[in-house]
Amino acid sequence: MAGYVLGPVWAERGLDPRKGRYPLRVEGPVRSAVDRLLPGMSTLTRYVRYYALYAAFAGHAVDAELAHDECRRFLRRSEVLLAVASDLHAASGPGPAHGIDPIRLGWRAGEDLDLRRVADDGGSGAVYSPRVWGFWSDYGGPSSALGGTRDEHRIPRPGRFDCPQEVRAWFEPLFVAAKQDVVPAAVLDGLTSVGLPSSEAREVPWLRGLFTATAEGRHFPEDWTPGDRHRRSAFRVLGRAAVLYGHASELSWEEAVRSTVAYGDGLRSDPVLSGIEEAAGWGGILLRNYSVGAWRRLWAGMVNQIGADPEREDASADELCAWLVDQMPDTTVRDFLGELPATMIEGCPAEAEREVLRDVDERDALVNVKLLMIGARRHGELTGVLHKAFMGPSRDYLNPEWVSVQLQEFRASRMSDFAARLVNDMLDQARRVAIAKMRSDDEGRLVVYSRLHQRNGRYYRTDDEGWGTPDTRVERLADMAGQLGLIHVDAEGRAVVTEIGQELLEVTG
């Protein structure tokens, strides 16, 4: 009698591959350092106005004694009304308000707004955000770090610093409108003053003090938490970059800050930077990010070429090695290292990374191998806080010290041998990361968070890998500085520190 083996249920259901982020986990030192040096801001917190909204709402929720579910419903409605108020004069705004695109599917300017349908959970039609607490999910942690609110079982509550009564009164018409299921167009028009932007901007003086850790125009360190002081230092570093390089409109904000704290002798000779302890931390982060970006681009280039040829949808480890090996010069590692630009001049970091990246495609594999080698050099050359920030607190795999050890081992070998080692170690690291992230879902299937998978000794991909470098939030910091009136950028891209910015940040010494 014929038969067959059914096997365990979990095996029958198989694996559930999903897109994974940070496949090599090389980003940790940069991301954790930015979290420490810039609390109260994330890559998702784009507008100062929302910090004021949640602070005012926290006070309103306490006064109105809103229960948990009621608080959530009115918070979501308030976010929708802020987005609509912003959209009514969006031509002059700093950008689109959060959630406005799905809101526009169910509302147009000049029409009444069915707030219940657009904002409430479970409503039919376009719901502005699928998340239970809307965009408070993004702003809650940063707002609490800033001190304007605190999170109590997901509900916004007043924080360390009371929201001024003037700001609360400014938002009160919005909270009143949030009680209506359908808001008339005339009422919506009356809310435009709290939209993005606002000619009144009543929250700016208060929030400017919180972001810069100042009260009545002065900073007294003992009155603020370490996080507050770190955030203030970040604004001061940005302000000093504007003073030194604001005229160079061709520079991005990140490049201007890098010129200020990562290259040259500014950390020890500049009268302002030498007094900002965290400035060296920013210098180390921005230098380390070159190595992180190089690893990410090498990984993306290798993975994304799998399946690029319709006749070969997968690849062996040897074929993946060949992808990088074939792009290496026919020389030894020692000789290639000797051709790299100088990384230090008179004891200070030289612009080696910029020289390597000048007028080339940053996705070029050889360019990124050069960046890894430069990072390895910096591990042995940087000192003090700059070195500590560059390396990070942990001995993570694939870090500049690890690359330095590999360079010593392969010093007399060909560049092709070194390249093969890089590929094999990337594959090993990606496998470790994927296993560490693996989870079992509610149906018993193993969920694998990775875009690269191995089957019968060959690799295939389920999606493209991203090429981007981790966000250091410097550009977000500059956006916030502009909204707070600390820095002004003219139509030609030149940046200056405003009068109030000079007073609060003390960056013109």
Protein backbone atom coordinates (compact mmCIF):
# COMPACT_ATOMS: atom_id res chain seq x y z
CA MET A 1 0.00 0.00 0.00
CA ALA A 2 1.44 3.35 -1.03
CA GLY A 3 1.72 6.15 1.49
CA TYR A 4 3.44 9.45 2.17
CA VAL A 5 4.72 11.42 5.13
CA LEU A 6 2.69 14.51 5.95
CA GLY A 7 5.36 16.07 8.18
CA PRO A 8 5.03 18.69 10.91
CA VAL A 9 2.43 21.39 10.47
CA TRP A 10 4.93 24.23 10.81
CA ALA A 11 6.98 22.83 7.92
CA GLU A 12 3.92 22.50 5.69
CA ARG A 13 3.13 26.19 6.07
CA GLY A 14 6.66 27.14 5.17
CA LEU A 15 8.47 30.43 5.55
CA ASP A 16 7.01 33.89 5.18
CA PRO A 17 9.71 36.14 3.70
CA ARG A 18 9.24 39.84 4.34
CA LYS A 19 11.24 42.92 3.59
CA GLY A 20 13.96 43.48 6.14
CA ARG A 21 15.63 46.71 7.20
CA TYR A 22 19.29 47.06 8.16
CA PRO A 23 20.36 43.66 6.74
CA LEU A 24 23.98 44.05 7.93
CA ARG A 25 23.24 45.97 11.14
CA VAL A 26 26.07 48.42 10.52
CA GLU A 27 23.91 51.47 11.27
CA GLY A 28 23.63 51.04 15.03
CA PRO A 29 26.50 53.30 16.20
CA VAL A 30 25.29 56.21 14.07
CA ARG A 31 21.61 55.82 14.93
CA SER A 32 22.18 55.41 18.67
CA ALA A 33 24.56 58.37 18.79
CA VAL A 34 22.09 60.61 16.96
CA ASP A 35 19.33 59.51 19.37
CA ARG A 36 21.53 60.58 22.27
CA LEU A 37 22.75 63.87 20.80
CA LEU A 38 19.43 64.97 19.33
CA PRO A 39 16.57 63.91 21.64
CA GLY A 40 13.20 65.38 20.88
CA MET A 41 13.50 65.06 17.11
CA SER A 42 13.22 62.10 14.78
CA THR A 43 13.18 61.55 11.06
CA LEU A 44 9.36 61.61 11.24
CA THR A 45 8.87 64.83 13.24
CA ARG A 46 8.80 67.45 10.53
CA TYR A 47 6.91 70.40 12.01
CA VAL A 48 7.21 72.51 15.14
CA ARG A 49 3.44 73.15 15.06
CA TYR A 50 2.63 69.55 16.02
CA TYR A 51 4.62 69.80 19.26
CA ALA A 52 2.38 72.74 20.18
CA LEU A 53 -0.77 70.90 19.11
CA TYR A 54 -0.07 67.96 21.42
CA ALA A 55 0.96 70.17 24.34
CA ALA A 56 -2.24 72.20 24.02
CA PHE A 57 -4.31 69.05 23.55
CA ALA A 58 -2.80 67.50 26.69
CA GLY A 59 -4.04 70.41 28.77
CA HIS A 60 -7.43 70.35 27.07
CA ALA A 61 -7.81 66.59 27.68
CA VAL A 62 -7.13 67.03 31.40
CA ASP A 63 -9.54 69.96 31.75
CA ALA A 64 -12.26 68.13 29.81
CA GLU A 65 -11.61 64.89 31.73
CA LEU A 66 -11.53 62.90 28.51
CA ALA A 67 -11.54 59.13 29.01
CA HIS A 68 -9.04 56.97 27.14
CA ASP A 69 -11.10 56.16 24.02
CA GLU A 70 -12.64 59.60 23.91
CA CYS A 71 -9.20 61.19 24.15
CA ARG A 72 -7.96 59.07 21.27
CA ARG A 73 -10.93 59.96 19.08
CA PHE A 74 -10.59 63.69 19.67
CA LEU A 75 -6.83 63.56 19.19
CA ARG A 76 -7.28 61.95 15.78
CA ARG A 77 -9.91 64.50 14.84
CA SER A 78 -7.62 67.34 15.94
CA GLU A 79 -4.84 66.04 13.70
CA VAL A 80 -7.22 65.93 10.75
CA LEU A 81 -8.40 69.48 11.40
CA LEU A 82 -4.82 70.73 11.61
CA ALA A 83 -4.06 69.08 8.26
CA VAL A 84 -7.15 70.61 6.66
CA ALA A 85 -6.40 74.06 8.09
CA SER A 86 -2.90 73.76 6.64
CA ASP A 87 -4.17 72.65 3.25
CA LEU A 88 -6.38 75.72 2.92
CA HIS A 89 -3.29 77.87 2.37
CA ALA A 90 -0.72 75.23 1.47
CA ALA A 91 0.91 77.34 -1.25
CA SER A 92 3.02 79.13 1.35
CA GLY A 93 3.52 76.23 3.74
CA PRO A 94 6.76 74.46 4.71
CA GLY A 95 5.38 71.22 3.32
CA PRO A 96 2.26 69.03 3.29
CA ALA A 97 0.67 68.38 6.66
CA HIS A 98 0.69 64.83 7.96
CA GLY A 99 -2.10 62.71 6.51
CA ILE A 100 -3.39 65.25 4.03
CA ASP A 101 -3.26 62.94 0.98
CA PRO A 102 -5.87 60.41 2.21
CA ILE A 103 -7.94 63.28 3.63
CA ARG A 104 -8.15 64.81 0.16
CA LEU A 105 -9.79 61.61 -1.09
CA GLY A 106 -12.85 62.47 0.95
CA TRP A 107 -12.73 66.26 1.12
CA ARG A 108 -11.96 69.29 -1.06
CA ALA A 109 -11.42 72.91 -0.11
CA GLY A 110 -14.75 74.77 0.08
CA GLU A 111 -16.66 71.67 1.19
CA ASP A 112 -17.90 70.62 4.60
CA LEU A 113 -15.70 67.99 6.25
CA ASP A 114 -17.19 64.66 7.33
CA LEU A 115 -14.86 64.37 10.31
CA ARG A 116 -16.32 61.11 11.57
CA ARG A 117 -15.65 59.36 8.27
CA VAL A 118 -12.16 60.75 7.75
CA ALA A 119 -10.82 60.64 11.29
CA ASP A 120 -12.64 58.04 13.37
CA ASP A 121 -11.51 54.41 13.58
CA GLY A 122 -13.71 52.06 11.65
CA GLY A 123 -15.26 54.79 9.53
CA SER A 124 -15.99 54.09 5.88
CA GLY A 125 -14.03 55.82 3.15
CA ALA A 126 -10.64 57.48 3.47
CA VAL A 127 -9.20 57.31 6.98
CA TYR A 128 -6.28 59.68 7.36
CA SER A 129 -4.09 57.29 9.38
CA PRO A 130 -4.41 53.54 10.04
CA ARG A 131 -2.50 53.87 13.32
CA VAL A 132 -4.62 53.89 16.45
CA TRP A 133 -3.11 57.10 17.80
CA GLY A 134 -2.41 58.76 14.46
CA PHE A 135 0.72 60.86 14.23
CA TRP A 136 1.02 61.14 17.99
CA SER A 137 2.70 57.74 17.52
CA ASP A 138 5.58 59.62 15.86
CA TYR A 139 5.61 62.74 17.99
CA GLY A 140 4.85 61.24 21.41
CA GLY A 141 8.41 60.21 22.31
CA PRO A 142 10.10 63.33 20.88
CA SER A 143 7.49 65.61 22.46
CA SER A 144 8.02 63.96 25.83
CA ALA A 145 11.80 64.32 25.45
CA LEU A 146 11.32 68.00 24.68
CA GLY A 147 9.21 68.37 27.82
CA GLY A 148 6.02 69.75 26.30
CA THR A 149 4.06 66.55 27.02
CA ARG A 150 4.38 63.16 28.62
CA ASP A 151 2.89 59.85 27.59
CA GLU A 152 0.45 58.24 30.05
CA HIS A 153 -0.86 54.95 28.66
CA ARG A 154 -0.56 56.49 25.17
CA ILE A 155 -2.58 59.56 26.21
CA PRO A 156 -0.86 62.98 25.91
CA ARG A 157 -0.51 64.62 29.29
CA PRO A 158 1.11 67.94 30.28
CA GLY A 159 4.88 67.58 30.49
CA ARG A 160 7.72 69.23 32.41
CA PHE A 161 6.88 72.62 30.92
CA ASP A 162 3.34 73.98 30.98
CA CYS A 163 1.91 74.94 27.62
CA PRO A 164 1.31 78.74 27.74
CA GLN A 165 -2.30 79.75 28.09
CA GLU A 166 -2.01 81.88 24.97
CA VAL A 167 -1.07 78.81 22.92
CA ARG A 168 -3.83 76.71 24.45
CA ALA A 169 -6.40 79.42 23.68
CA TRP A 170 -5.12 79.62 20.12
CA PHE A 171 -5.88 75.93 19.54
CA GLU A 172 -9.18 75.92 21.44
CA PRO A 173 -11.39 76.61 18.36
CA LEU A 174 -9.83 73.55 16.74
CA PHE A 175 -10.69 71.37 19.74
CA VAL A 176 -14.24 72.74 19.77
CA ALA A 177 -14.63 71.92 16.06
CA ALA A 178 -13.36 68.40 16.76
CA LYS A 179 -16.59 67.70 18.69
CA GLN A 180 -18.63 67.96 15.49
CA ASP A 181 -19.16 64.96 13.25
CA VAL A 182 -19.45 67.23 10.20
CA VAL A 183 -17.54 70.52 10.25
CA PRO A 184 -18.95 73.28 7.99
CA ALA A 185 -16.63 74.88 5.45
CA ALA A 186 -17.02 78.26 7.16
CA VAL A 187 -15.72 76.81 10.44
CA LEU A 188 -12.78 75.25 8.60
CA ASP A 189 -11.90 78.63 7.11
CA GLY A 190 -11.80 80.04 10.62
CA LEU A 191 -9.12 77.53 11.63
CA THR A 192 -6.52 78.51 9.05
CA SER A 193 -4.53 80.54 11.57
CA VAL A 194 -3.34 77.33 13.25
CA GLY A 195 -2.35 75.67 9.97
CA LEU A 196 1.06 75.25 8.42
CA PRO A 197 2.34 77.89 8.23
CA SER A 198 0.80 80.60 10.37
CA SER A 199 1.57 84.29 10.25
CA GLU A 200 0.93 84.37 14.00
CA ALA A 201 3.00 81.34 15.07
CA ARG A 202 2.10 81.88 18.69
CA GLU A 203 3.85 78.72 19.83
CA VAL A 204 7.29 79.66 18.47
CA PRO A 205 8.64 81.76 21.38
CA TRP A 206 7.76 79.03 23.87
CA LEU A 207 9.03 76.11 21.78
CA ARG A 208 12.12 78.04 20.76
CA GLY A 209 13.05 78.18 24.43
CA LEU A 210 12.51 74.44 24.87
CA PHE A 211 14.47 73.45 21.78
CA THR A 212 17.41 75.70 22.70
CA ALA A 213 17.24 75.10 26.46
CA THR A 214 16.84 78.79 27.26
CA ALA A 215 14.52 80.79 29.49
CA GLU A 216 14.08 84.52 28.99
CA GLY A 217 16.94 84.45 26.50
CA ARG A 218 19.50 82.80 28.79
CA HIS A 219 20.85 79.27 29.15
CA PHE A 220 21.65 78.03 32.64
CA PRO A 221 22.89 74.41 32.33
CA GLU A 222 21.81 73.39 35.81
CA ASP A 223 18.17 74.13 34.92
CA TRP A 224 18.07 71.58 32.10
CA THR A 225 18.45 67.82 31.66
CA PRO A 226 21.42 66.25 29.81
CA GLY A 227 19.11 65.61 26.85
CA ASP A 228 18.10 69.27 26.76
CA ARG A 229 21.74 70.32 26.80
CA HIS A 230 22.62 67.88 24.02
CA ARG A 231 19.81 69.21 21.84
CA ARG A 232 20.95 72.77 22.49
CA SER A 233 24.48 71.81 21.47
CA ALA A 234 23.17 70.38 18.21
CA PHE A 235 21.48 73.70 17.40
CA ARG A 236 24.68 75.54 18.32
CA VAL A 237 26.76 73.34 16.02
CA LEU A 238 24.26 73.99 13.22
CA GLY A 239 24.32 77.72 13.96
CA ARG A 240 28.11 77.81 13.86
CA ALA A 241 28.02 75.97 10.53
CA ALA A 242 25.70 78.70 9.23
CA VAL A 243 28.12 81.38 10.41
CA LEU A 244 31.13 79.69 8.80
CA TYR A 245 29.60 78.17 5.66
CA GLY A 246 26.15 79.73 5.25
CA HIS A 247 27.40 81.67 2.26
CA ALA A 248 28.21 78.43 0.42
CA SER A 249 24.77 77.71 -1.02
CA GLU A 250 26.10 74.67 -2.90
CA LEU A 251 26.64 72.81 0.39
CA SER A 252 23.89 70.78 1.99
CA TRP A 253 23.39 71.33 5.69
CA GLU A 254 25.04 68.00 6.44
CA GLU A 255 28.08 68.93 4.38
CA ALA A 256 28.28 72.33 6.08
CA VAL A 257 28.18 70.72 9.52
CA ARG A 258 30.73 68.12 8.42
CA SER A 259 33.05 70.91 7.30
CA THR A 260 32.55 72.53 10.69
CA VAL A 261 33.14 69.63 13.09
CA ALA A 262 34.56 66.65 11.14
CA TYR A 263 37.34 68.16 9.05
CA GLY A 264 40.13 70.57 9.94
CA ASP A 265 41.11 71.94 13.34
CA GLY A 266 37.87 73.73 14.23
CA LEU A 267 37.19 71.51 17.26
CA ARG A 268 40.29 72.88 18.99
CA SER A 269 40.79 76.32 17.45
CA ASP A 270 37.28 77.69 16.85
CA PRO A 271 36.20 79.94 19.78
CA VAL A 272 32.65 78.55 19.75
CA LEU A 273 33.16 74.89 18.84
CA SER A 274 35.96 74.43 21.37
CA GLY A 275 33.40 75.12 24.08
CA ILE A 276 30.81 72.62 22.81
CA GLU A 277 31.69 69.17 24.14
CA GLU A 278 29.18 67.43 21.88
CA ALA A 279 30.69 68.99 18.74
CA ALA A 280 33.30 66.22 18.59
CA GLY A 281 30.50 63.68 18.89
CA TRP A 282 28.88 65.08 15.76
CA GLY A 283 32.23 65.01 13.99
CA GLY A 284 32.70 61.34 14.79
CA ILE A 285 29.17 60.45 13.68
CA LEU A 286 29.53 62.20 10.34
CA LEU A 287 32.85 60.51 9.63
CA ARG A 288 31.55 57.08 10.65
CA ASN A 289 28.53 57.49 8.40
CA TYR A 290 30.82 57.26 5.37
CA SER A 291 31.72 53.68 6.32
CA VAL A 292 28.10 52.81 7.09
CA GLY A 293 26.98 54.15 3.73
CA ALA A 294 29.76 52.25 1.96
CA TRP A 295 28.64 48.94 3.45
CA ARG A 296 25.03 49.61 2.55
CA ARG A 297 25.86 50.48 -1.04
CA LEU A 298 28.13 47.46 -1.48
CA TRP A 299 25.39 45.20 -0.14
CA ALA A 300 22.70 46.81 -2.31
CA GLY A 301 24.87 46.63 -5.41
CA MET A 302 25.62 42.96 -4.85
CA VAL A 303 22.05 41.92 -4.01
CA ASN A 304 20.34 43.98 -6.68
CA GLN A 305 22.40 42.48 -9.49
CA ILE A 306 20.90 39.07 -8.72
CA GLY A 307 18.22 38.51 -11.32
CA ALA A 308 19.30 41.50 -13.39
CA ASP A 309 20.01 38.99 -16.14
CA PRO A 310 16.68 37.33 -17.06
CA GLU A 311 18.53 34.09 -17.77
CA ARG A 312 20.00 33.93 -14.25
CA GLU A 313 17.52 34.55 -11.47
CA ASP A 314 19.82 33.41 -8.68
CA ALA A 315 23.54 33.26 -7.89
CA SER A 316 26.01 31.17 -5.96
CA ALA A 317 28.34 32.60 -3.31
CA ASP A 318 31.21 32.34 -5.80
CA GLU A 319 29.24 34.30 -8.39
CA LEU A 320 28.47 36.99 -5.82
CA CYS A 321 32.17 37.18 -4.96
CA ALA A 322 32.97 37.50 -8.64
CA TRP A 323 30.71 40.57 -8.86
CA LEU A 324 33.03 42.52 -6.55
CA VAL A 325 36.29 40.76 -7.47
CA ASP A 326 35.89 41.71 -11.13
CA GLN A 327 35.74 45.40 -10.16
CA MET A 328 39.01 45.39 -8.24
CA PRO A 329 42.34 46.62 -9.68
CA ASP A 330 45.15 44.13 -10.28
CA THR A 331 47.34 45.22 -7.40
CA THR A 332 48.11 44.34 -3.80
CA VAL A 333 46.21 45.71 -0.84
CA ARG A 334 49.42 47.38 0.38
CA ASP A 335 49.97 49.23 -2.89
CA PHE A 336 46.31 50.22 -3.16
CA LEU A 337 46.34 51.64 0.36
CA GLY A 338 49.34 53.73 -0.61
CA GLU A 339 47.34 55.37 -3.38
CA LEU A 340 44.54 56.60 -1.10
CA PRO A 341 44.42 60.30 -0.19
CA ALA A 342 45.83 61.48 3.14
CA THR A 343 43.41 61.09 6.03
CA MET A 344 45.18 63.44 8.47
CA ILE A 345 46.97 66.78 8.00
CA GLU A 346 48.82 68.31 10.94
CA GLY A 347 46.98 66.07 13.37
CA CYS A 348 43.49 66.91 12.07
CA PRO A 349 41.13 64.93 9.80
CA ALA A 350 41.69 65.69 6.13
CA GLU A 351 38.90 65.53 3.54
CA ALA A 352 39.86 62.09 2.24
CA GLU A 353 36.28 60.86 1.85
CA ARG A 354 35.30 63.93 -0.12
CA GLU A 355 38.27 63.48 -2.42
CA VAL A 356 37.34 59.87 -3.07
CA LEU A 357 33.71 60.80 -3.79
CA ARG A 358 34.45 63.82 -5.98
CA ASP A 359 33.03 63.51 -9.52
CA VAL A 360 32.27 59.77 -9.24
CA ASP A 361 29.19 57.60 -8.88
CA GLU A 362 28.89 56.85 -5.16
CA ARG A 363 27.40 53.46 -6.06
CA ASP A 364 30.66 52.40 -7.71
CA ALA A 365 31.92 49.36 -5.80
CA LEU A 366 35.58 50.39 -5.82
CA VAL A 367 34.68 53.82 -4.44
CA ASN A 368 32.97 52.19 -1.49
CA VAL A 369 35.86 49.83 -0.83
CA LYS A 370 38.06 52.93 -0.66
CA LEU A 371 35.72 54.48 1.90
CA LEU A 372 35.92 51.37 4.06
CA MET A 373 39.71 51.52 3.91
CA ILE A 374 39.72 55.19 4.88
CA GLY A 375 37.44 54.39 7.79
CA ALA A 376 39.89 51.70 8.91
CA ARG A 377 42.68 54.26 8.87
CA ARG A 378 40.64 56.67 10.93
CA HIS A 379 40.22 54.01 13.61
CA GLY A 380 43.96 54.15 14.19
CA GLU A 381 44.34 57.92 13.85
CA LEU A 382 41.46 59.65 15.61
CA THR A 383 41.71 60.31 19.34
CA GLY A 384 39.61 61.34 22.32
CA VAL A 385 35.91 62.06 22.00
CA LEU A 386 36.17 62.16 18.21
CA HIS A 387 37.46 58.57 18.12
CA LYS A 388 34.95 57.39 20.72
CA ALA A 389 32.04 58.83 18.74
CA PHE A 390 33.48 57.46 15.49
CA MET A 391 33.70 53.91 16.81
CA GLY A 392 30.60 53.89 19.01
CA PRO A 393 30.16 52.07 22.31
CA SER A 394 30.04 48.51 20.98
CA ARG A 395 32.44 46.31 19.08
CA ASP A 396 30.00 45.70 16.28
CA TYR A 397 30.77 43.45 13.36
CA LEU A 398 32.05 45.05 10.13
CA ASN A 399 33.11 48.21 11.99
CA PRO A 400 36.26 50.20 11.03
CA GLU A 401 38.39 48.23 13.49
CA TRP A 402 37.24 45.00 11.89
CA VAL A 403 38.16 46.36 8.44
CA SER A 404 41.55 47.40 9.81
CA VAL A 405 42.22 43.84 11.00
CA GLN A 406 41.27 42.46 7.58
CA LEU A 407 43.58 44.91 5.86
CA GLN A 408 46.46 43.75 8.01
CA GLU A 409 45.70 40.13 7.21
CA PHE A 410 45.41 40.75 3.46
CA ARG A 411 48.11 43.41 3.21
CA ALA A 412 50.34 41.32 0.94
CA SER A 413 47.41 39.75 -0.94
CA ARG A 414 45.71 40.88 -4.11
CA MET A 415 42.76 43.25 -3.95
CA SER A 416 40.66 40.48 -5.48
CA ASP A 417 41.27 38.28 -2.44
CA PHE A 418 40.32 41.09 -0.08
CA ALA A 419 37.13 41.73 -2.09
CA ALA A 420 36.12 38.07 -1.88
CA ARG A 421 36.55 38.24 1.90
CA LEU A 422 34.27 41.29 2.08
CA VAL A 423 31.52 39.51 0.16
CA ASN A 424 31.70 36.31 2.19
CA ASP A 425 31.62 38.22 5.45
CA MET A 426 28.66 40.32 4.29
CA LEU A 427 26.78 37.11 3.47
CA ASP A 428 27.64 35.61 6.85
CA GLN A 429 26.59 38.76 8.68
CA ALA A 430 23.32 39.02 6.75
CA ARG A 431 22.53 35.42 7.66
CA ARG A 432 23.20 36.09 11.35
CA VAL A 433 20.99 39.18 11.26
CA ALA A 434 18.16 37.38 9.47
CA ILE A 435 18.22 34.53 11.99
CA ALA A 436 18.22 36.98 14.89
CA LYS A 437 15.17 38.75 13.45
CA MET A 438 13.25 35.57 12.64
CA ARG A 439 9.87 35.30 14.35
CA SER A 440 6.88 32.98 14.40
CA ASP A 441 3.56 34.52 13.38
CA ASP A 442 0.11 33.74 14.76
CA GLU A 443 -0.37 30.94 12.23
CA GLY A 444 2.86 29.17 13.12
CA ARG A 445 4.87 30.26 10.09
CA LEU A 446 8.43 31.47 10.47
CA VAL A 447 8.70 35.10 9.37
CA VAL A 448 12.07 35.96 7.84
CA TYR A 449 12.85 39.67 7.57
CA SER A 450 15.25 39.68 4.65
CA ARG A 451 15.33 40.44 0.94
CA LEU A 452 18.05 37.86 0.26
CA HIS A 453 17.39 34.14 0.72
CA GLN A 454 19.34 30.95 0.11
CA ARG A 455 17.93 27.80 -1.44
CA ASN A 456 19.91 24.72 -2.49
CA GLY A 457 23.17 26.62 -2.20
CA ARG A 458 22.06 29.53 -4.36
CA TYR A 459 20.90 33.02 -3.44
CA TYR A 460 17.80 34.79 -4.74
CA ARG A 461 16.20 38.08 -3.78
CA THR A 462 12.58 38.96 -3.14
CA ASP A 463 12.99 42.73 -3.52
CA ASP A 464 15.55 45.46 -4.19
CA GLU A 465 17.82 46.64 -1.41
CA GLY A 466 17.95 50.35 -0.65
CA TRP A 467 21.06 52.43 -1.38
CA GLY A 468 20.54 55.16 1.19
CA THR A 469 22.86 56.25 3.97
CA PRO A 470 21.40 56.52 7.51
CA ASP A 471 19.79 59.85 8.25
CA THR A 472 21.83 61.88 10.73
CA ARG A 473 18.84 64.27 11.10
CA VAL A 474 21.02 67.30 10.36
CA GLU A 475 18.68 68.37 7.58
CA ARG A 476 15.70 67.93 9.93
CA LEU A 477 17.53 70.01 12.53
CA ALA A 478 17.98 72.77 9.96
CA ASP A 479 14.27 72.62 9.04
CA MET A 480 13.33 73.01 12.68
CA ALA A 481 15.80 75.88 13.14
CA GLY A 482 14.11 77.67 10.25
CA GLN A 483 10.61 77.12 11.66
CA LEU A 484 11.81 78.39 15.04
CA GLY A 485 13.22 81.54 13.47
CA LEU A 486 16.81 80.74 14.48
CA ILE A 487 18.16 80.57 10.93
CA HIS A 488 16.99 82.21 7.73
CA VAL A 489 17.78 80.87 4.26
CA ASP A 490 17.33 83.32 1.41
CA ALA A 491 16.03 82.59 -2.08
CA GLU A 492 19.55 81.82 -3.31
CA GLY A 493 20.20 79.26 -0.60
CA ARG A 494 22.46 81.37 1.61
CA ALA A 495 21.89 80.86 5.33
CA VAL A 496 22.33 83.34 8.15
CA VAL A 497 21.72 83.12 11.88
CA THR A 498 18.92 85.51 12.79
CA GLU A 499 19.20 88.09 15.53
CA ILE A 500 17.21 85.95 17.96
CA GLY A 501 19.29 82.95 16.92
CA GLN A 502 22.51 84.79 17.73
CA GLU A 503 21.13 85.75 21.12
CA LEU A 504 19.94 82.26 22.11
CA LEU A 505 22.65 80.08 20.52
CA GLU A 506 25.73 82.25 21.12
CA VAL A 507 27.45 81.21 17.91
CA THR A 508 28.98 84.44 16.62
CA GLY A 509 32.01 84.60 18.93
